[in-house]
Amino acid sequence: MGLNPEKCSIVKFGSKDNNLNYLMNGTVIPVKESVRDLGITLDRKLSMELNLGEKVHKAMWVARSLMKVIFTMSKIAIMKMYRIYIRPILEYGMVVAYPRHATDKLKLEKVQNFIMRQVSGLGSKPSKEKNKVCGILSLEDRFKRAGSIQVY
């Protein structure tokens, strides 16, 4: 089975920019600024900002959509929804695409905090306390745990 040139693309990593054309079966393969492979978006600087932005956007869209159809604000229902539908979006590929900057981690925590605000009875408690009441770890702690599991 051969490669389809229409489904291929090239990302040039690094700062050197040569204007070479790459051909496959006589077809020029387009050069792109970013590429998505196995659900992770990489750009030419190997920055994970695009990947992170896509994850946060998708997770918030799913969270808001689910909040429109959930008729109860019980902790159990919302936490099941979070664990089943939203957390896998946020955590997919995080061993590879771990957010290095504090602002990136805050963007991910924003989704979890949005879900916590939907739980009735938590009010204006700090996010660490909300996580403890709902029985979940912060995203930072889960990423560290996932990395440790991957290593060992």
C-alpha atoms as a PDB file:
ATOM      1  CA  MET A   1       0.000   0.000   0.000  1.00  0.00           C
ATOM      2  CA  GLY A   2       1.467   3.342  -1.046  1.00  0.00           C
ATOM      3  CA  LEU A   3       1.157   6.839   0.345  1.00  0.00           C
ATOM      4  CA  ASN A   4      -1.438   9.230  -1.054  1.00  0.00           C
ATOM      5  CA  PRO A   5       0.292  12.543  -1.961  1.00  0.00           C
ATOM      6  CA  GLU A   6      -2.946  14.517  -1.432  1.00  0.00           C
ATOM      7  CA  LYS A   7      -3.055  13.392   2.213  1.00  0.00           C
ATOM      8  CA  CYS A   8       0.591  14.198   2.918  1.00  0.00           C
ATOM      9  CA  SER A   9       2.103  17.472   4.052  1.00  0.00           C
ATOM     10  CA  ILE A  10       5.462  18.763   5.196  1.00  0.00           C
ATOM     11  CA  VAL A  11       6.335  20.802   8.261  1.00  0.00           C
ATOM     12  CA  LYS A  12       9.821  22.255   8.305  1.00  0.00           C
ATOM     13  CA  PHE A  13      11.090  22.302  11.859  1.00  0.00           C
ATOM     14  CA  GLY A  14      13.579  24.953  12.901  1.00  0.00           C
ATOM     15  CA  SER A  15      14.437  28.411  11.640  1.00  0.00           C
ATOM     16  CA  LYS A  16      16.197  27.511   8.388  1.00  0.00           C
ATOM     17  CA  ASP A  17      13.830  28.009   5.475  1.00  0.00           C
ATOM     18  CA  ASN A  18      14.936  26.552   2.167  1.00  0.00           C
ATOM     19  CA  ASN A  19      12.562  26.875  -0.742  1.00  0.00           C
ATOM     20  CA  LEU A  20      12.728  23.279  -1.900  1.00  0.00           C
ATOM     21  CA  ASN A  21       9.771  21.522  -3.421  1.00  0.00           C
ATOM     22  CA  TYR A  22       9.173  17.970  -2.314  1.00  0.00           C
ATOM     23  CA  LEU A  23       7.612  15.587  -4.820  1.00  0.00           C
ATOM     24  CA  MET A  24       5.825  12.285  -4.415  1.00  0.00           C
ATOM     25  CA  ASN A  25       4.786  10.452  -7.565  1.00  0.00           C
ATOM     26  CA  GLY A  26       5.156  13.718  -9.491  1.00  0.00           C
ATOM     27  CA  THR A  27       2.874  15.639  -7.094  1.00  0.00           C
ATOM     28  CA  VAL A  28       4.220  18.562  -5.081  1.00  0.00           C
ATOM     29  CA  ILE A  29       3.644  18.020  -1.358  1.00  0.00           C
ATOM     30  CA  PRO A  30       2.427  21.217   0.338  1.00  0.00           C
ATOM     31  CA  VAL A  31       4.446  22.825   3.145  1.00  0.00           C
ATOM     32  CA  LYS A  32       2.332  23.731   6.168  1.00  0.00           C
ATOM     33  CA  GLU A  33       2.924  25.699   9.359  1.00  0.00           C
ATOM     34  CA  SER A  34       1.347  22.990  11.515  1.00  0.00           C
ATOM     35  CA  VAL A  35       0.252  19.400  11.170  1.00  0.00           C
ATOM     36  CA  ARG A  36      -2.055  17.171  13.179  1.00  0.00           C
ATOM     37  CA  ASP A  37      -0.960  13.600  13.772  1.00  0.00           C
ATOM     38  CA  LEU A  38      -2.645  11.132  16.119  1.00  0.00           C
ATOM     39  CA  GLY A  39      -4.712  13.948  17.601  1.00  0.00           C
ATOM     40  CA  ILE A  40      -1.742  16.157  18.533  1.00  0.00           C
ATOM     41  CA  THR A  41      -1.064  19.356  16.610  1.00  0.00           C
ATOM     42  CA  LEU A  42       2.587  20.288  16.070  1.00  0.00           C
ATOM     43  CA  ASP A  43       3.877  23.509  14.572  1.00  0.00           C
ATOM     44  CA  ARG A  44       7.282  24.295  13.135  1.00  0.00           C
ATOM     45  CA  LYS A  45       8.578  25.518  16.525  1.00  0.00           C
ATOM     46  CA  LEU A  46       7.356  22.332  18.258  1.00  0.00           C
ATOM     47  CA  SER A  47       5.216  24.560  20.433  1.00  0.00           C
ATOM     48  CA  MET A  48       2.133  22.973  21.929  1.00  0.00           C
ATOM     49  CA  GLU A  49       0.106  26.204  21.965  1.00  0.00           C
ATOM     50  CA  LEU A  50      -2.068  25.200  18.993  1.00  0.00           C
ATOM     51  CA  ASN A  51      -2.653  21.768  20.486  1.00  0.00           C
ATOM     52  CA  LEU A  52      -3.546  23.249  23.857  1.00  0.00           C
ATOM     53  CA  GLY A  53      -5.886  25.834  22.344  1.00  0.00           C
ATOM     54  CA  GLU A  54      -7.725  23.140  20.385  1.00  0.00           C
ATOM     55  CA  LYS A  55      -8.103  20.960  23.479  1.00  0.00           C
ATOM     56  CA  VAL A  56      -9.405  23.774  25.671  1.00  0.00           C
ATOM     57  CA  HIS A  57     -11.824  24.948  22.973  1.00  0.00           C
ATOM     58  CA  LYS A  58     -13.192  21.451  22.377  1.00  0.00           C
ATOM     59  CA  ALA A  59     -13.463  20.640  26.101  1.00  0.00           C
ATOM     60  CA  MET A  60     -15.299  23.911  26.847  1.00  0.00           C
ATOM     61  CA  TRP A  61     -17.644  23.314  23.905  1.00  0.00           C
ATOM     62  CA  VAL A  62     -18.438  19.803  25.172  1.00  0.00           C
ATOM     63  CA  ALA A  63     -18.879  21.073  28.751  1.00  0.00           C
ATOM     64  CA  ARG A  64     -21.262  23.848  27.715  1.00  0.00           C
ATOM     65  CA  SER A  65     -23.210  21.508  25.451  1.00  0.00           C
ATOM     66  CA  LEU A  66     -23.602  18.947  28.216  1.00  0.00           C
ATOM     67  CA  MET A  67     -24.652  21.602  30.721  1.00  0.00           C
ATOM     68  CA  LYS A  68     -27.534  22.491  28.414  1.00  0.00           C
ATOM     69  CA  VAL A  69     -28.930  18.963  28.553  1.00  0.00           C
ATOM     70  CA  ILE A  70     -28.215  17.998  32.169  1.00  0.00           C
ATOM     71  CA  PHE A  71     -31.255  18.687  34.309  1.00  0.00           C
ATOM     72  CA  THR A  72     -29.579  18.152  37.659  1.00  0.00           C
ATOM     73  CA  MET A  73     -26.691  19.996  39.215  1.00  0.00           C
ATOM     74  CA  SER A  74     -25.811  17.184  41.606  1.00  0.00           C
ATOM     75  CA  LYS A  75     -22.155  16.586  42.282  1.00  0.00           C
ATOM     76  CA  ILE A  76     -22.367  12.934  41.236  1.00  0.00           C
ATOM     77  CA  ALA A  77     -23.946  13.618  37.828  1.00  0.00           C
ATOM     78  CA  ILE A  78     -21.615  16.471  36.943  1.00  0.00           C
ATOM     79  CA  MET A  79     -18.491  14.618  38.051  1.00  0.00           C
ATOM     80  CA  LYS A  80     -19.466  11.533  36.018  1.00  0.00           C
ATOM     81  CA  MET A  81     -20.014  13.773  33.012  1.00  0.00           C
ATOM     82  CA  TYR A  82     -16.629  15.398  33.576  1.00  0.00           C
ATOM     83  CA  ARG A  83     -14.773  12.101  33.966  1.00  0.00           C
ATOM     84  CA  ILE A  84     -16.436  10.460  30.955  1.00  0.00           C
ATOM     85  CA  TYR A  85     -16.613  13.255  28.393  1.00  0.00           C
ATOM     86  CA  ILE A  86     -14.340  16.166  29.268  1.00  0.00           C
ATOM     87  CA  ARG A  87     -11.284  14.887  31.110  1.00  0.00           C
ATOM     88  CA  PRO A  88     -10.247  12.498  28.288  1.00  0.00           C
ATOM     89  CA  ILE A  89     -10.181  15.466  25.893  1.00  0.00           C
ATOM     90  CA  LEU A  90      -7.914  17.431  28.224  1.00  0.00           C
ATOM     91  CA  GLU A  91      -5.591  14.566  29.078  1.00  0.00           C
ATOM     92  CA  TYR A  92      -5.148  12.924  25.686  1.00  0.00           C
ATOM     93  CA  GLY A  93      -1.493  13.015  24.681  1.00  0.00           C
ATOM     94  CA  MET A  94      -0.413  15.052  27.687  1.00  0.00           C
ATOM     95  CA  VAL A  95       2.578  12.821  28.351  1.00  0.00           C
ATOM     96  CA  VAL A  96       3.894  14.001  24.983  1.00  0.00           C
ATOM     97  CA  ALA A  97       2.302  17.454  24.817  1.00  0.00           C
ATOM     98  CA  TYR A  98       2.720  18.480  28.446  1.00  0.00           C
ATOM     99  CA  PRO A  99       1.976  22.189  29.025  1.00  0.00           C
ATOM    100  CA  ARG A 100       5.247  23.744  30.183  1.00  0.00           C
ATOM    101  CA  HIS A 101       4.160  27.298  30.929  1.00  0.00           C
ATOM    102  CA  ALA A 102       2.043  28.327  33.894  1.00  0.00           C
ATOM    103  CA  THR A 103      -0.393  30.176  31.607  1.00  0.00           C
ATOM    104  CA  ASP A 104      -0.954  26.986  29.596  1.00  0.00           C
ATOM    105  CA  LYS A 105      -1.734  25.053  32.762  1.00  0.00           C
ATOM    106  CA  LEU A 106      -4.163  27.773  33.828  1.00  0.00           C
ATOM    107  CA  LYS A 107      -6.000  27.446  30.517  1.00  0.00           C
ATOM    108  CA  LEU A 108      -6.543  23.754  31.184  1.00  0.00           C
ATOM    109  CA  GLU A 109      -7.556  24.385  34.784  1.00  0.00           C
ATOM    110  CA  LYS A 110     -10.108  26.908  33.487  1.00  0.00           C
ATOM    111  CA  VAL A 111     -12.161  24.065  32.006  1.00  0.00           C
ATOM    112  CA  GLN A 112     -12.098  22.095  35.248  1.00  0.00           C
ATOM    113  CA  ASN A 113     -13.009  25.223  37.239  1.00  0.00           C
ATOM    114  CA  PHE A 114     -15.953  25.843  34.901  1.00  0.00           C
ATOM    115  CA  ILE A 115     -17.260  22.367  35.709  1.00  0.00           C
ATOM    116  CA  MET A 116     -16.733  22.913  39.440  1.00  0.00           C
ATOM    117  CA  ARG A 117     -18.786  26.116  39.308  1.00  0.00           C
ATOM    118  CA  GLN A 118     -21.724  24.105  37.957  1.00  0.00           C
ATOM    119  CA  VAL A 119     -21.873  21.881  41.033  1.00  0.00           C
ATOM    120  CA  SER A 120     -24.483  23.246  43.403  1.00  0.00           C
ATOM    121  CA  GLY A 121     -23.415  23.926  46.966  1.00  0.00           C
ATOM    122  CA  LEU A 122     -19.750  24.688  46.297  1.00  0.00           C
ATOM    123  CA  GLY A 123     -20.260  28.421  45.975  1.00  0.00           C
ATOM    124  CA  SER A 124     -17.132  30.548  46.066  1.00  0.00           C
ATOM    125  CA  LYS A 125     -14.770  28.059  47.687  1.00  0.00           C
ATOM    126  CA  PRO A 126     -11.182  27.975  46.394  1.00  0.00           C
ATOM    127  CA  SER A 127     -10.563  25.556  43.523  1.00  0.00           C
ATOM    128  CA  LYS A 128      -8.358  23.256  45.644  1.00  0.00           C
ATOM    129  CA  GLU A 129     -11.176  22.849  48.128  1.00  0.00           C
ATOM    130  CA  LYS A 130     -13.700  22.242  45.335  1.00  0.00           C
ATOM    131  CA  ASN A 131     -11.452  19.533  43.896  1.00  0.00           C
ATOM    132  CA  LYS A 132     -11.182  17.898  47.307  1.00  0.00           C
ATOM    133  CA  VAL A 133     -14.973  17.965  47.849  1.00  0.00           C
ATOM    134  CA  CYS A 134     -15.590  16.487  44.388  1.00  0.00           C
ATOM    135  CA  GLY A 135     -12.874  13.873  44.828  1.00  0.00           C
ATOM    136  CA  ILE A 136     -10.666  14.791  41.886  1.00  0.00           C
ATOM    137  CA  LEU A 137      -7.027  15.801  41.566  1.00  0.00           C
ATOM    138  CA  SER A 138      -5.921  19.011  39.941  1.00  0.00           C
ATOM    139  CA  LEU A 139      -4.837  18.667  36.323  1.00  0.00           C
ATOM    140  CA  GLU A 140      -1.250  19.385  37.354  1.00  0.00           C
ATOM    141  CA  ASP A 141      -1.263  16.467  39.824  1.00  0.00           C
ATOM    142  CA  ARG A 142      -2.854  14.128  37.269  1.00  0.00           C
ATOM    143  CA  PHE A 143      -0.264  15.060  34.624  1.00  0.00           C
ATOM    144  CA  LYS A 144       2.544  14.317  37.069  1.00  0.00           C
ATOM    145  CA  ARG A 145       0.888  11.018  37.963  1.00  0.00           C
ATOM    146  CA  ALA A 146       0.445  10.071  34.288  1.00  0.00           C
ATOM    147  CA  GLY A 147       4.094  10.891  33.573  1.00  0.00           C
ATOM    148  CA  SER A 148       5.234   8.760  36.495  1.00  0.00           C
ATOM    149  CA  ILE A 149       3.102   5.846  35.343  1.00  0.00           C
ATOM    150  CA  GLN A 150       4.508   6.173  31.829  1.00  0.00           C
ATOM    151  CA  VAL A 151       8.104   6.139  33.120  1.00  0.00           C
ATOM    152  CA  TYR A 152       7.665   3.201  35.463  1.00  0.00           C
END
